[in-house]
């Protein structure tokens, strides 16, 4: 299943653009959805139903974000990905900061 044309993922691509423009990340595909990656490592993607930020971070950081109520466990098909967090709040500064953290983690 690919992302719906109705999903609002514009903020994701806006915050991903500086990393891609600088050649630090590139567009790829993860679980049949558009994502960004750093080399062979997946970094982030918009959640395919909602457009929320989904980003790869250290497990401890994911737990912190979930405990703070900022993030949700990322569990497609009910399998929790412990190094991935879904962030529903549309906050450009937060998403940019989390992408930067994720970049440091995967590179």
Protein backbone atom coordinates (compact mmCIF):
# COMPACT_ATOMS: atom_id res chain seq x y z
CA UNK A 1 0.00 0.00 0.00
CA UNK A 2 1.41 3.37 -0.92
CA UNK A 3 0.72 6.69 0.73
CA UNK A 4 -2.63 8.24 -0.03
CA UNK A 5 -2.73 11.42 -2.06
CA UNK A 6 -4.87 12.91 0.73
CA UNK A 7 -2.20 12.50 3.44
CA UNK A 8 -0.76 15.83 4.57
CA UNK A 9 2.98 15.10 4.57
CA UNK A 10 4.10 18.56 3.40
CA UNK A 11 5.66 19.49 6.76
CA UNK A 12 7.72 16.32 6.72
CA UNK A 13 9.18 17.11 3.31
CA UNK A 14 9.72 20.76 4.31
CA UNK A 15 11.84 19.76 7.32
CA UNK A 16 13.63 17.01 5.36
CA UNK A 17 14.56 19.34 2.51
CA UNK A 18 17.63 20.97 4.14
CA UNK A 19 19.21 17.56 4.81
CA UNK A 20 18.51 16.45 1.25
CA UNK A 21 19.63 19.75 -0.32
CA UNK A 22 22.92 19.53 1.59
CA UNK A 23 23.46 15.99 0.28
CA UNK A 24 23.31 14.56 3.82
CA UNK A 25 20.19 12.46 3.11
CA UNK A 26 18.37 11.19 0.06
CA UNK A 27 14.90 10.01 -0.76
CA UNK A 28 14.26 6.29 -0.64
CA UNK A 29 11.50 3.81 0.02
CA UNK A 30 10.63 2.01 3.26
CA UNK A 31 7.60 -0.25 3.65
CA UNK A 32 6.42 0.89 0.20
CA UNK A 33 6.36 4.54 1.33
CA UNK A 34 8.66 7.45 0.57
CA UNK A 35 11.32 8.04 3.21
CA UNK A 36 14.70 9.65 3.66
CA UNK A 37 17.85 7.71 4.27
CA UNK A 38 21.49 8.32 5.08
CA UNK A 39 23.55 5.98 2.97
CA UNK A 40 22.01 2.56 3.56
CA UNK A 41 20.39 3.56 6.87
CA UNK A 42 16.76 4.63 7.03
CA UNK A 43 16.28 7.93 8.89
CA UNK A 44 12.66 9.07 8.73
CA UNK A 45 9.39 9.03 6.86
CA UNK A 46 5.92 10.49 7.02
CA UNK A 47 3.47 8.01 8.51
CA UNK A 48 1.51 6.80 5.49
CA UNK A 49 -1.99 7.37 6.91
CA UNK A 50 -1.46 10.62 8.83
CA UNK A 51 1.69 12.35 7.58
CA UNK A 52 3.10 12.33 11.15
CA UNK A 53 6.86 12.32 11.55
CA UNK A 54 8.34 8.85 12.03
CA UNK A 55 12.04 9.00 12.88
CA UNK A 56 14.75 6.55 13.95
CA UNK A 57 16.36 7.43 17.29
CA UNK A 58 18.15 5.59 20.08
CA UNK A 59 15.76 3.37 22.02
CA UNK A 60 16.23 5.41 25.22
CA UNK A 61 15.31 8.63 23.39
CA UNK A 62 12.22 6.99 21.88
CA UNK A 63 11.15 5.95 25.40
CA UNK A 64 11.71 9.53 26.68
CA UNK A 65 9.54 11.00 23.93
CA UNK A 66 6.77 8.46 24.55
CA UNK A 67 6.91 8.99 28.33
CA UNK A 68 6.73 12.78 27.82
CA UNK A 69 3.63 12.40 25.63
CA UNK A 70 5.45 13.90 22.64
CA UNK A 71 5.73 10.65 20.73
CA UNK A 72 3.86 7.44 20.10
CA UNK A 73 5.23 3.95 19.71
CA UNK A 74 5.61 3.23 16.01
CA UNK A 75 3.86 -0.10 15.51
CA UNK A 76 2.82 -0.83 11.95
CA UNK A 77 0.90 -4.10 11.80
CA UNK A 78 1.02 -4.14 15.63
CA UNK A 79 4.79 -4.81 15.76
CA UNK A 80 6.56 -2.14 17.82
CA UNK A 81 9.76 -0.79 16.29
CA UNK A 82 11.73 0.17 19.42
CA UNK A 83 14.14 2.56 17.67
CA UNK A 84 11.37 4.44 15.85
CA UNK A 85 8.96 7.05 17.21
CA UNK A 86 5.89 8.65 15.67
CA UNK A 87 5.41 12.35 16.43
CA UNK A 88 1.89 13.59 15.63
CA UNK A 89 2.21 17.23 16.74
CA UNK A 90 2.86 19.46 13.71
CA UNK A 91 5.79 21.47 15.07
CA UNK A 92 8.45 22.42 12.54
CA UNK A 93 11.13 23.20 15.14
CA UNK A 94 10.52 19.93 16.99
CA UNK A 95 10.53 17.87 13.82
CA UNK A 96 13.72 19.57 12.58
CA UNK A 97 15.44 18.91 15.92
CA UNK A 98 14.36 15.26 15.93
CA UNK A 99 15.55 14.79 12.34
CA UNK A 100 18.93 16.24 13.37
CA UNK A 101 19.07 13.81 16.32
CA UNK A 102 18.11 10.95 14.04
CA UNK A 103 20.75 11.96 11.51
CA UNK A 104 23.45 11.82 14.22
CA UNK A 105 22.15 8.42 15.34
CA UNK A 106 22.14 6.72 11.93
CA UNK A 107 25.29 8.29 10.47
